[in-house]
């Protein structure tokens, strides 16, 4: 190979980073069970019954979606609650949207991150794929703490980083300072539906 061509090839390899493959999940069969696990954001506080994001997502996916949200729960409590639900429902997919109450109460972030990681591990050990949803911390700029993205990157799972922050940053989609209204929950469901489709779940 001519020296110029060799140099060009080396330059190309140096300058063009390898494309990272986006995390994927297994396709959801028609009888699949999806476990939406979290706190009040999953339960649907601020919206009428039947309009929480898991209810809307069930219609979008055409699959059973279990609403396993408990208002006020912190991640340590969720970690203790999750194993029984995994045994009861044997979900194909777990949507993990947790940690918001830890942030509101200013609990130790390292413990919150460890609890979320343990929930992902429990879900995967039970045979379920996991989609992670970032919850923003209180403050002027509504952004999830870095430990959400770090966890998703480390274990290679799909991650929705923006939708909850986007909804809570727009008063037209909020029922109060920390909860969406029905329109806000629909936006969350639509974003998760798009993420699941992108990850080849349907």
N, C-alpha and C. Protein backbone atom coordinates (compact mmCIF):
# COMPACT_ATOMS: atom_id res chain seq x y z
N UNK A 1 0.86 -1.19 0.00
CA UNK A 1 0.00 0.00 0.00
C UNK A 1 0.89 1.24 0.00
N UNK A 2 0.60 2.22 -0.86
CA UNK A 2 1.39 3.46 -0.88
C UNK A 2 1.38 4.13 0.48
N UNK A 3 2.51 4.87 0.71
CA UNK A 3 2.64 5.49 2.02
C UNK A 3 1.50 6.47 2.30
N UNK A 4 1.05 7.22 1.28
CA UNK A 4 -0.01 8.20 1.48
C UNK A 4 -1.31 7.50 1.89
N UNK A 5 -1.60 6.38 1.21
CA UNK A 5 -2.83 5.64 1.51
C UNK A 5 -2.77 5.07 2.93
N UNK A 6 -1.60 4.59 3.32
CA UNK A 6 -1.44 4.06 4.67
C UNK A 6 -1.66 5.15 5.71
N UNK A 7 -1.08 6.34 5.45
CA UNK A 7 -1.23 7.45 6.36
C UNK A 7 -2.71 7.87 6.46
N UNK A 8 -3.40 7.90 5.31
CA UNK A 8 -4.81 8.29 5.31
C UNK A 8 -5.65 7.31 6.11
N UNK A 9 -5.34 6.02 5.97
CA UNK A 9 -6.09 5.01 6.71
C UNK A 9 -5.87 5.15 8.20
N UNK A 10 -4.62 5.37 8.60
CA UNK A 10 -4.33 5.55 10.02
C UNK A 10 -5.01 6.79 10.58
N UNK A 11 -5.05 7.85 9.78
CA UNK A 11 -5.69 9.09 10.22
C UNK A 11 -7.19 8.87 10.40
N UNK A 12 -7.79 8.13 9.50
CA UNK A 12 -9.22 7.85 9.58
C UNK A 12 -9.54 7.05 10.83
N UNK A 13 -8.75 6.04 11.11
CA UNK A 13 -8.96 5.22 12.30
C UNK A 13 -8.80 6.04 13.57
N UNK A 14 -7.86 6.98 13.54
CA UNK A 14 -7.60 7.81 14.72
C UNK A 14 -8.73 8.80 14.97
N UNK A 15 -9.25 9.41 13.89
CA UNK A 15 -10.19 10.50 14.03
C UNK A 15 -11.64 10.06 14.14
N UNK A 16 -11.98 8.92 13.59
CA UNK A 16 -13.37 8.48 13.59
C UNK A 16 -13.56 7.45 14.70
N UNK A 17 -14.26 7.79 15.78
CA UNK A 17 -14.45 6.85 16.87
C UNK A 17 -15.36 5.70 16.45
N UNK A 18 -15.16 4.59 17.10
CA UNK A 18 -16.01 3.44 16.83
C UNK A 18 -17.43 3.75 17.28
N UNK A 19 -18.39 3.36 16.46
CA UNK A 19 -19.79 3.60 16.78
C UNK A 19 -20.24 2.66 17.89
N UNK A 20 -20.79 3.26 18.94
CA UNK A 20 -21.30 2.43 20.03
C UNK A 20 -22.67 1.91 19.66
N UNK A 21 -22.88 0.64 19.86
CA UNK A 21 -24.16 0.03 19.56
C UNK A 21 -25.16 0.39 20.64
N UNK A 22 -26.33 0.88 20.24
CA UNK A 22 -27.35 1.26 21.21
C UNK A 22 -27.86 0.02 21.93
N UNK A 23 -28.13 0.13 23.23
CA UNK A 23 -28.64 -1.03 23.98
C UNK A 23 -29.97 -1.50 23.40
N UNK A 24 -30.17 -2.79 23.41
CA UNK A 24 -31.40 -3.38 22.90
C UNK A 24 -32.06 -4.25 23.96
N UNK A 25 -33.32 -4.56 23.72
CA UNK A 25 -34.06 -5.49 24.57
C UNK A 25 -34.70 -6.54 23.67
N UNK A 26 -35.10 -7.63 24.28
CA UNK A 26 -35.74 -8.69 23.51
C UNK A 26 -37.13 -8.25 23.05
N UNK A 27 -37.56 -8.68 21.86
CA UNK A 27 -38.92 -8.36 21.42
C UNK A 27 -39.95 -8.86 22.44
N UNK A 28 -40.98 -8.06 22.65
CA UNK A 28 -42.03 -8.41 23.61
C UNK A 28 -43.11 -9.21 22.91
N UNK A 29 -43.30 -10.47 23.28
CA UNK A 29 -44.40 -11.23 22.68
C UNK A 29 -45.75 -10.63 23.05
N UNK A 30 -46.79 -11.04 22.35
CA UNK A 30 -48.11 -10.45 22.58
C UNK A 30 -48.61 -10.68 24.00
N UNK A 31 -48.14 -11.75 24.64
CA UNK A 31 -48.58 -12.06 26.00
C UNK A 31 -47.62 -11.48 27.06
N UNK A 32 -46.68 -10.66 26.64
CA UNK A 32 -45.65 -10.16 27.56
C UNK A 32 -46.27 -9.33 28.68
N UNK A 33 -45.61 -9.39 29.83
CA UNK A 33 -45.97 -8.56 30.98
C UNK A 33 -44.84 -7.55 31.19
N UNK A 34 -45.22 -6.29 31.29
CA UNK A 34 -44.28 -5.21 31.57
C UNK A 34 -44.56 -4.72 32.99
N UNK A 35 -43.53 -4.65 33.81
CA UNK A 35 -43.67 -4.17 35.18
C UNK A 35 -43.14 -2.74 35.25
N UNK A 36 -44.04 -1.78 35.47
CA UNK A 36 -43.65 -0.38 35.66
C UNK A 36 -43.44 -0.18 37.16
N UNK A 37 -42.18 -0.02 37.55
CA UNK A 37 -41.82 -0.01 38.96
C UNK A 37 -41.30 1.36 39.36
N UNK A 38 -41.88 1.90 40.44
CA UNK A 38 -41.42 3.21 40.88
C UNK A 38 -42.23 3.75 42.04
N UNK A 39 -42.31 5.07 42.09
CA UNK A 39 -42.99 5.75 43.20
C UNK A 39 -44.23 6.47 42.66
N UNK A 40 -44.48 7.70 43.13
CA UNK A 40 -45.70 8.41 42.72
C UNK A 40 -45.72 8.75 41.24
N UNK A 41 -44.55 8.92 40.61
CA UNK A 41 -44.51 9.20 39.19
C UNK A 41 -45.01 8.02 38.37
N UNK A 42 -44.87 6.83 38.91
CA UNK A 42 -45.40 5.64 38.27
C UNK A 42 -46.85 5.41 38.67
N UNK A 43 -47.13 5.62 39.94
CA UNK A 43 -48.50 5.43 40.44
C UNK A 43 -49.49 6.33 39.72
N UNK A 44 -49.05 7.55 39.39
CA UNK A 44 -49.91 8.46 38.65
C UNK A 44 -50.51 9.58 39.47
N UNK A 45 -49.87 9.95 40.58
CA UNK A 45 -50.36 11.07 41.37
C UNK A 45 -50.53 12.30 40.50
N UNK A 46 -51.68 12.96 40.62
CA UNK A 46 -51.93 14.16 39.85
C UNK A 46 -52.80 13.95 38.63
N UNK A 47 -53.14 12.70 38.34
CA UNK A 47 -53.98 12.41 37.18
C UNK A 47 -55.16 11.53 37.61
N UNK A 48 -56.27 11.59 36.89
CA UNK A 48 -57.39 10.71 37.21
C UNK A 48 -57.01 9.24 37.07
N UNK A 49 -57.77 8.39 37.73
CA UNK A 49 -57.53 6.95 37.65
C UNK A 49 -57.54 6.50 36.19
N UNK A 50 -56.59 5.63 35.86
CA UNK A 50 -56.51 5.11 34.50
C UNK A 50 -55.71 5.95 33.54
N UNK A 51 -55.14 7.07 34.02
CA UNK A 51 -54.37 7.94 33.13
C UNK A 51 -52.91 8.09 33.55
N UNK A 52 -52.45 7.24 34.46
CA UNK A 52 -51.02 7.18 34.78
C UNK A 52 -50.27 6.67 33.56
N UNK A 53 -48.96 6.91 33.53
CA UNK A 53 -48.22 6.50 32.33
C UNK A 53 -48.29 5.00 32.05
N UNK A 54 -48.29 4.10 33.08
CA UNK A 54 -48.39 2.68 32.74
C UNK A 54 -49.70 2.32 32.04
N UNK A 55 -50.80 2.98 32.41
CA UNK A 55 -52.08 2.71 31.77
C UNK A 55 -52.05 3.14 30.31
N UNK A 56 -51.50 4.31 30.05
CA UNK A 56 -51.40 4.80 28.67
C UNK A 56 -50.45 3.92 27.87
N UNK A 57 -49.34 3.55 28.47
CA UNK A 57 -48.35 2.73 27.77
C UNK A 57 -48.91 1.37 27.40
N UNK A 58 -49.76 0.81 28.25
CA UNK A 58 -50.37 -0.48 27.93
C UNK A 58 -51.13 -0.41 26.61
N UNK A 59 -51.85 0.68 26.40
CA UNK A 59 -52.58 0.84 25.15
C UNK A 59 -51.65 1.03 23.96
N UNK A 60 -50.56 1.76 24.16
CA UNK A 60 -49.62 2.00 23.07
C UNK A 60 -48.88 0.73 22.68
N UNK A 61 -48.51 -0.06 23.68
CA UNK A 61 -47.76 -1.29 23.43
C UNK A 61 -48.65 -2.45 23.00
N UNK A 62 -49.90 -2.43 23.44
CA UNK A 62 -50.75 -3.60 23.23
C UNK A 62 -50.30 -4.77 24.09
N UNK A 63 -49.71 -4.45 25.24
CA UNK A 63 -49.23 -5.47 26.18
C UNK A 63 -49.75 -5.15 27.58
N UNK A 64 -49.72 -6.12 28.47
CA UNK A 64 -50.10 -5.89 29.85
C UNK A 64 -49.00 -5.12 30.56
N UNK A 65 -49.35 -4.00 31.18
CA UNK A 65 -48.40 -3.20 31.94
C UNK A 65 -48.91 -3.09 33.37
N UNK A 66 -48.15 -3.62 34.30
CA UNK A 66 -48.51 -3.60 35.72
C UNK A 66 -48.03 -2.29 36.34
N UNK A 67 -48.93 -1.56 36.95
CA UNK A 67 -48.55 -0.32 37.65
C UNK A 67 -48.13 -0.69 39.06
N UNK A 68 -46.82 -0.69 39.30
CA UNK A 68 -46.26 -1.02 40.61
C UNK A 68 -45.61 0.21 41.22
N UNK A 69 -46.34 1.32 41.20
CA UNK A 69 -45.84 2.55 41.79
C UNK A 69 -46.41 2.76 43.18
N UNK A 70 -45.54 3.13 44.12
CA UNK A 70 -45.95 3.40 45.51
C UNK A 70 -45.54 4.83 45.87
N UNK A 71 -46.51 5.73 46.05
CA UNK A 71 -46.18 7.12 46.38
C UNK A 71 -45.35 7.22 47.66
N UNK A 72 -44.37 8.10 47.62
CA UNK A 72 -43.54 8.36 48.80
C UNK A 72 -42.43 7.37 49.05
N UNK A 73 -42.34 6.33 48.26
CA UNK A 73 -41.34 5.29 48.51
C UNK A 73 -39.94 5.77 48.15
N UNK A 74 -38.97 5.43 48.99
CA UNK A 74 -37.57 5.69 48.68
C UNK A 74 -36.95 4.42 48.11
N UNK A 75 -35.77 4.56 47.53
CA UNK A 75 -35.18 3.43 46.79
C UNK A 75 -34.88 2.23 47.67
N UNK A 76 -34.50 2.45 48.93
CA UNK A 76 -34.22 1.32 49.82
C UNK A 76 -35.48 0.49 50.04
N UNK A 77 -36.63 1.16 50.14
CA UNK A 77 -37.90 0.44 50.30
C UNK A 77 -38.26 -0.28 49.00
N UNK A 78 -38.02 0.38 47.88
CA UNK A 78 -38.29 -0.25 46.59
C UNK A 78 -37.46 -1.49 46.37
N UNK A 79 -36.21 -1.43 46.80
CA UNK A 79 -35.32 -2.59 46.65
C UNK A 79 -35.86 -3.79 47.42
N UNK A 80 -36.45 -3.54 48.58
CA UNK A 80 -37.02 -4.64 49.37
C UNK A 80 -38.34 -5.15 48.76
N UNK A 81 -39.06 -4.27 48.08
CA UNK A 81 -40.37 -4.64 47.54
C UNK A 81 -40.28 -5.37 46.20
N UNK A 82 -39.28 -5.08 45.42
CA UNK A 82 -39.21 -5.57 44.05
C UNK A 82 -39.17 -7.10 43.92
N UNK A 83 -38.39 -7.84 44.71
CA UNK A 83 -38.28 -9.28 44.47
C UNK A 83 -39.62 -10.02 44.45
N UNK A 84 -40.54 -9.66 45.34
CA UNK A 84 -41.83 -10.34 45.37
C UNK A 84 -42.63 -10.08 44.10
N UNK A 85 -42.54 -8.85 43.59
CA UNK A 85 -43.24 -8.53 42.35
C UNK A 85 -42.66 -9.30 41.18
N UNK A 86 -41.35 -9.44 41.15
CA UNK A 86 -40.72 -10.22 40.08
C UNK A 86 -41.18 -11.67 40.13
N UNK A 87 -41.32 -12.21 41.33
CA UNK A 87 -41.80 -13.58 41.46
C UNK A 87 -43.27 -13.70 41.07
N UNK A 88 -44.06 -12.71 41.44
CA UNK A 88 -45.50 -12.78 41.18
C UNK A 88 -45.83 -12.63 39.70
N UNK A 89 -45.17 -11.70 39.02
CA UNK A 89 -45.56 -11.36 37.66
C UNK A 89 -44.65 -11.92 36.58
N UNK A 90 -43.43 -12.29 36.93
CA UNK A 90 -42.46 -12.80 35.95
C UNK A 90 -42.43 -11.92 34.69
N UNK A 91 -42.12 -10.65 34.84
CA UNK A 91 -42.19 -9.72 33.70
C UNK A 91 -41.12 -9.98 32.66
N UNK A 92 -41.46 -9.66 31.42
CA UNK A 92 -40.47 -9.68 30.34
C UNK A 92 -39.61 -8.42 30.37
N UNK A 93 -40.23 -7.32 30.85
CA UNK A 93 -39.55 -6.03 30.86
C UNK A 93 -39.92 -5.29 32.14
N UNK A 94 -38.92 -4.67 32.76
CA UNK A 94 -39.13 -3.80 33.92
C UNK A 94 -38.76 -2.37 33.51
N UNK A 95 -39.69 -1.45 33.72
CA UNK A 95 -39.41 -0.03 33.53
C UNK A 95 -39.14 0.55 34.91
N UNK A 96 -37.91 0.95 35.15
CA UNK A 96 -37.48 1.41 36.48
C UNK A 96 -37.42 2.93 36.50
N UNK A 97 -38.35 3.54 37.24
CA UNK A 97 -38.40 4.99 37.40
C UNK A 97 -38.46 5.27 38.90
N UNK A 98 -37.30 5.36 39.52
CA UNK A 98 -37.25 5.43 40.98
C UNK A 98 -36.12 6.38 41.40
N UNK A 99 -36.15 6.74 42.67
CA UNK A 99 -35.09 7.58 43.22
C UNK A 99 -35.49 9.02 43.47
N UNK A 100 -36.67 9.42 42.98
CA UNK A 100 -37.08 10.81 43.14
C UNK A 100 -37.25 11.23 44.59
N UNK A 101 -37.80 10.35 45.41
CA UNK A 101 -37.99 10.70 46.82
C UNK A 101 -36.66 10.75 47.56
N UNK A 102 -35.70 9.94 47.13
CA UNK A 102 -34.35 10.05 47.71
C UNK A 102 -33.78 11.44 47.47
N UNK A 103 -33.99 11.94 46.24
CA UNK A 103 -33.46 13.25 45.89
C UNK A 103 -34.18 14.36 46.66
N UNK A 104 -35.50 14.23 46.79
CA UNK A 104 -36.26 15.24 47.53
C UNK A 104 -35.83 15.29 49.00
N UNK A 105 -35.50 14.13 49.56
CA UNK A 105 -35.11 14.06 50.97
C UNK A 105 -33.61 14.21 51.17
N UNK A 106 -32.90 14.40 50.07
CA UNK A 106 -31.45 14.59 50.11
C UNK A 106 -30.74 13.41 50.80
N UNK A 107 -31.16 12.21 50.45
CA UNK A 107 -30.50 11.03 50.98
C UNK A 107 -29.17 10.82 50.26
N UNK A 108 -28.36 9.96 50.83
CA UNK A 108 -27.02 9.70 50.29
C UNK A 108 -27.12 9.19 48.84
N UNK A 109 -26.51 9.91 47.93
CA UNK A 109 -26.62 9.55 46.51
C UNK A 109 -25.94 8.23 46.19
N UNK A 110 -24.86 7.94 46.91
CA UNK A 110 -24.19 6.67 46.65
C UNK A 110 -25.10 5.50 46.99
N UNK A 111 -25.88 5.65 48.05
CA UNK A 111 -26.82 4.59 48.42
C UNK A 111 -27.95 4.49 47.41
N UNK A 112 -28.44 5.64 46.95
CA UNK A 112 -29.49 5.62 45.93
C UNK A 112 -29.00 4.92 44.67
N UNK A 113 -27.80 5.29 44.22
CA UNK A 113 -27.24 4.66 43.02
C UNK A 113 -27.06 3.16 43.22
N UNK A 114 -26.60 2.77 44.39
CA UNK A 114 -26.41 1.34 44.67
C UNK A 114 -27.75 0.60 44.69
N UNK A 115 -28.78 1.25 45.24
CA UNK A 115 -30.09 0.61 45.28
C UNK A 115 -30.66 0.43 43.88
N UNK A 116 -30.50 1.44 43.04
CA UNK A 116 -30.98 1.31 41.67
C UNK A 116 -30.22 0.21 40.92
N UNK A 117 -28.93 0.16 41.12
CA UNK A 117 -28.13 -0.89 40.48
C UNK A 117 -28.58 -2.27 40.94
N UNK A 118 -28.90 -2.41 42.22
CA UNK A 118 -29.36 -3.69 42.74
C UNK A 118 -30.72 -4.06 42.16
N UNK A 119 -31.59 -3.06 41.94
CA UNK A 119 -32.89 -3.34 41.32
C UNK A 119 -32.72 -3.84 39.89
N UNK A 120 -31.80 -3.23 39.16
CA UNK A 120 -31.52 -3.69 37.80
C UNK A 120 -31.00 -5.12 37.84
N UNK A 121 -30.10 -5.39 38.75
CA UNK A 121 -29.52 -6.73 38.86
C UNK A 121 -30.60 -7.76 39.21
N UNK A 122 -31.47 -7.43 40.16
CA UNK A 122 -32.55 -8.34 40.53
C UNK A 122 -33.46 -8.63 39.33
N UNK A 123 -33.78 -7.59 38.59
CA UNK A 123 -34.68 -7.75 37.45
C UNK A 123 -34.06 -8.64 36.39
N UNK A 124 -32.79 -8.39 36.08
CA UNK A 124 -32.12 -9.19 35.07
C UNK A 124 -31.94 -10.63 35.52
N UNK A 125 -31.67 -10.83 36.81
CA UNK A 125 -31.53 -12.19 37.33
C UNK A 125 -32.85 -12.96 37.23
N UNK A 126 -33.97 -12.23 37.26
CA UNK A 126 -35.29 -12.86 37.13
C UNK A 126 -35.68 -13.06 35.67
N UNK A 127 -34.80 -12.69 34.75
CA UNK A 127 -35.05 -12.91 33.33
C UNK A 127 -35.68 -11.76 32.59
N UNK A 128 -35.75 -10.59 33.22
CA UNK A 128 -36.38 -9.43 32.60
C UNK A 128 -35.34 -8.48 32.02
N UNK A 129 -35.69 -7.86 30.90
CA UNK A 129 -34.92 -6.72 30.43
C UNK A 129 -35.32 -5.51 31.27
N UNK A 130 -34.50 -4.46 31.23
CA UNK A 130 -34.76 -3.27 32.03
C UNK A 130 -34.60 -2.02 31.17
N UNK A 131 -35.54 -1.10 31.33
CA UNK A 131 -35.43 0.26 30.79
C UNK A 131 -35.37 1.21 31.98
N UNK A 132 -34.40 2.09 31.99
CA UNK A 132 -34.20 3.02 33.10
C UNK A 132 -34.71 4.41 32.72
N UNK A 133 -35.39 5.05 33.68
CA UNK A 133 -35.91 6.40 33.48
C UNK A 133 -35.24 7.33 34.48
N UNK A 134 -34.61 8.39 34.00
CA UNK A 134 -33.96 9.34 34.88
C UNK A 134 -34.95 10.31 35.50
N UNK A 135 -34.78 10.55 36.80
CA UNK A 135 -35.65 11.48 37.54
C UNK A 135 -34.81 12.70 37.92
N UNK A 136 -35.30 13.90 37.63
CA UNK A 136 -34.49 15.09 37.92
C UNK A 136 -34.41 15.39 39.40
N UNK A 137 -33.31 15.99 39.79
CA UNK A 137 -33.17 16.45 41.16
C UNK A 137 -33.75 17.85 41.28
N UNK A 138 -34.25 18.23 42.46
CA UNK A 138 -34.82 19.56 42.63
C UNK A 138 -33.78 20.64 42.39
N UNK A 139 -34.23 21.76 41.85
CA UNK A 139 -33.30 22.85 41.60
C UNK A 139 -33.72 23.67 40.40
N UNK A 140 -32.91 24.63 40.07
CA UNK A 140 -33.20 25.52 38.95
C UNK A 140 -33.17 24.77 37.63
N UNK A 141 -32.19 23.91 37.47
CA UNK A 141 -32.06 23.13 36.24
C UNK A 141 -32.50 21.70 36.51
N UNK A 142 -33.60 21.31 35.88
CA UNK A 142 -34.15 19.98 36.13
C UNK A 142 -33.42 18.95 35.27
N UNK A 143 -32.45 18.30 35.88
CA UNK A 143 -31.69 17.26 35.20
C UNK A 143 -31.48 16.09 36.15
N UNK A 144 -31.51 14.86 35.63
CA UNK A 144 -31.22 13.71 36.49
C UNK A 144 -29.76 13.73 36.93
N UNK A 145 -29.47 13.26 38.12
CA UNK A 145 -28.07 13.10 38.54
C UNK A 145 -27.34 12.16 37.60
N UNK A 146 -26.03 12.30 37.56
CA UNK A 146 -25.22 11.50 36.63
C UNK A 146 -25.31 10.00 36.90
N UNK A 147 -25.68 9.61 38.12
CA UNK A 147 -25.62 8.18 38.40
C UNK A 147 -26.63 7.38 37.58
N UNK A 148 -27.69 8.03 37.08
CA UNK A 148 -28.62 7.30 36.19
C UNK A 148 -27.92 6.91 34.90
N UNK A 149 -27.33 7.90 34.24
CA UNK A 149 -26.65 7.62 32.98
C UNK A 149 -25.47 6.68 33.18
N UNK A 150 -24.75 6.84 34.28
CA UNK A 150 -23.61 5.97 34.56
C UNK A 150 -24.06 4.51 34.70
N UNK A 151 -25.18 4.32 35.40
CA UNK A 151 -25.70 2.96 35.58
C UNK A 151 -26.13 2.36 34.26
N UNK A 152 -26.89 3.13 33.48
CA UNK A 152 -27.36 2.62 32.19
C UNK A 152 -26.20 2.26 31.28
N UNK A 153 -25.17 3.10 31.29
CA UNK A 153 -24.00 2.83 30.44
C UNK A 153 -23.24 1.60 30.92
N UNK A 154 -23.11 1.48 32.23
CA UNK A 154 -22.32 0.39 32.78
C UNK A 154 -22.95 -0.98 32.51
N UNK A 155 -24.27 -1.05 32.62
CA UNK A 155 -24.93 -2.36 32.44
C UNK A 155 -25.53 -2.52 31.05
N UNK A 156 -25.47 -1.47 30.23
CA UNK A 156 -25.92 -1.58 28.85
C UNK A 156 -27.41 -1.71 28.67
N UNK A 157 -28.18 -0.83 29.32
CA UNK A 157 -29.63 -0.88 29.20
C UNK A 157 -30.15 0.43 28.59
N UNK A 158 -31.30 0.39 27.90
CA UNK A 158 -31.87 1.63 27.36
C UNK A 158 -32.20 2.61 28.47
N UNK A 159 -31.97 3.88 28.18
CA UNK A 159 -32.13 4.92 29.20
C UNK A 159 -32.88 6.10 28.63
N UNK A 160 -33.95 6.50 29.30
CA UNK A 160 -34.70 7.70 28.94
C UNK A 160 -34.30 8.80 29.93
N UNK A 161 -33.51 9.74 29.45
CA UNK A 161 -32.91 10.73 30.34
C UNK A 161 -33.70 12.03 30.42
N UNK A 162 -34.56 12.31 29.45
CA UNK A 162 -35.08 13.67 29.32
C UNK A 162 -36.56 13.84 29.60
N UNK A 163 -37.37 12.82 29.43
CA UNK A 163 -38.81 13.06 29.38
C UNK A 163 -39.39 13.56 30.70
N UNK A 164 -38.99 13.00 31.83
CA UNK A 164 -39.55 13.45 33.10
C UNK A 164 -39.14 14.89 33.37
N UNK A 165 -37.89 15.22 33.11
CA UNK A 165 -37.42 16.59 33.28
C UNK A 165 -38.19 17.54 32.37
N UNK A 166 -38.39 17.15 31.13
CA UNK A 166 -39.10 17.99 30.17
C UNK A 166 -40.53 18.25 30.60
N UNK A 167 -41.20 17.22 31.08
CA UNK A 167 -42.59 17.38 31.53
C UNK A 167 -42.66 18.29 32.75
N UNK A 168 -41.78 18.05 33.72
CA UNK A 168 -41.82 18.83 34.95
C UNK A 168 -41.30 20.25 34.79
N UNK A 169 -40.72 20.54 33.64
CA UNK A 169 -40.24 21.89 33.36
C UNK A 169 -41.28 22.72 32.61
N UNK A 170 -42.46 22.15 32.37
CA UNK A 170 -43.51 22.83 31.62
C UNK A 170 -44.80 22.79 32.44
N UNK A 171 -45.24 23.94 32.91
CA UNK A 171 -46.39 23.98 33.82
C UNK A 171 -47.66 23.44 33.19
N UNK A 172 -47.74 23.43 31.85
CA UNK A 172 -48.95 22.93 31.20
C UNK A 172 -49.09 21.41 31.34
N UNK A 173 -48.01 20.75 31.74
CA UNK A 173 -48.03 19.30 31.90
C UNK A 173 -47.95 18.87 33.36
N UNK A 174 -48.12 19.82 34.29
CA UNK A 174 -47.96 19.52 35.71
C UNK A 174 -49.27 19.69 36.47
N UNK A 175 -49.45 18.84 37.48
CA UNK A 175 -50.59 18.98 38.39
C UNK A 175 -50.20 19.72 39.65
N UNK A 176 -48.91 19.63 40.01
CA UNK A 176 -48.34 20.36 41.15
C UNK A 176 -46.85 20.51 40.90
N UNK A 177 -46.11 20.86 41.92
CA UNK A 177 -44.69 21.15 41.70
C UNK A 177 -43.86 19.93 41.32
N UNK A 178 -44.31 18.73 41.67
CA UNK A 178 -43.47 17.54 41.44
C UNK A 178 -44.17 16.43 40.68
N UNK A 179 -45.43 16.62 40.28
CA UNK A 179 -46.16 15.56 39.58
C UNK A 179 -46.76 16.05 38.26
N UNK A 180 -46.75 15.21 37.25
CA UNK A 180 -47.42 15.55 35.99
C UNK A 180 -48.94 15.50 36.14
N UNK A 181 -49.63 16.07 35.16
CA UNK A 181 -51.05 15.85 35.02
C UNK A 181 -51.27 14.75 33.98
N UNK A 182 -52.51 14.53 33.58
CA UNK A 182 -52.78 13.45 32.64
C UNK A 182 -52.03 13.64 31.32
N UNK A 183 -51.97 14.88 30.84
CA UNK A 183 -51.26 15.15 29.58
C UNK A 183 -49.76 14.88 29.74
N UNK A 184 -49.23 15.20 30.92
CA UNK A 184 -47.81 14.94 31.17
C UNK A 184 -47.51 13.45 31.21
N UNK A 185 -48.37 12.69 31.85
CA UNK A 185 -48.16 11.24 31.89
C UNK A 185 -48.26 10.63 30.50
N UNK A 186 -49.15 11.18 29.68
CA UNK A 186 -49.23 10.68 28.30
C UNK A 186 -47.93 10.93 27.56
N UNK A 187 -47.34 12.09 27.76
CA UNK A 187 -46.05 12.36 27.12
C UNK A 187 -44.97 11.38 27.59
N UNK A 188 -44.98 11.05 28.87
CA UNK A 188 -44.01 10.07 29.38
C UNK A 188 -44.23 8.72 28.73
N UNK A 189 -45.50 8.31 28.66
CA UNK A 189 -45.82 7.02 28.03
C UNK A 189 -45.38 7.00 26.58
N UNK A 190 -45.61 8.07 25.85
CA UNK A 190 -45.23 8.13 24.44
C UNK A 190 -43.72 8.06 24.26
N UNK A 191 -42.98 8.73 25.15
CA UNK A 191 -41.52 8.69 25.07
C UNK A 191 -41.00 7.29 25.36
N UNK A 192 -41.58 6.62 26.34
CA UNK A 192 -41.14 5.26 26.65
C UNK A 192 -41.53 4.29 25.54
N UNK A 193 -42.69 4.49 24.96
CA UNK A 193 -43.08 3.66 23.82
C UNK A 193 -42.07 3.81 22.68
N UNK A 194 -41.67 5.04 22.42
CA UNK A 194 -40.68 5.27 21.35
C UNK A 194 -39.34 4.63 21.69
N UNK A 195 -38.93 4.72 22.94
CA UNK A 195 -37.66 4.11 23.36
C UNK A 195 -37.71 2.60 23.23
N UNK A 196 -38.82 2.00 23.63
CA UNK A 196 -38.95 0.54 23.54
C UNK A 196 -38.94 0.10 22.08
N UNK A 197 -39.61 0.86 21.22
CA UNK A 197 -39.59 0.55 19.78
C UNK A 197 -38.16 0.65 19.24
N UNK A 198 -37.46 1.71 19.62
CA UNK A 198 -36.10 1.92 19.14
C UNK A 198 -35.17 0.79 19.60
N UNK A 199 -35.44 0.27 20.79
CA UNK A 199 -34.62 -0.82 21.33
C UNK A 199 -35.09 -2.18 20.81
N UNK A 200 -36.04 -2.17 19.87
CA UNK A 200 -36.54 -3.38 19.18
C UNK A 200 -37.39 -4.25 20.09
N UNK A 201 -37.98 -3.65 21.12
CA UNK A 201 -38.87 -4.43 21.98
C UNK A 201 -40.17 -4.77 21.30
N UNK A 202 -40.56 -3.95 20.32
CA UNK A 202 -41.78 -4.25 19.53
C UNK A 202 -41.51 -3.91 18.07
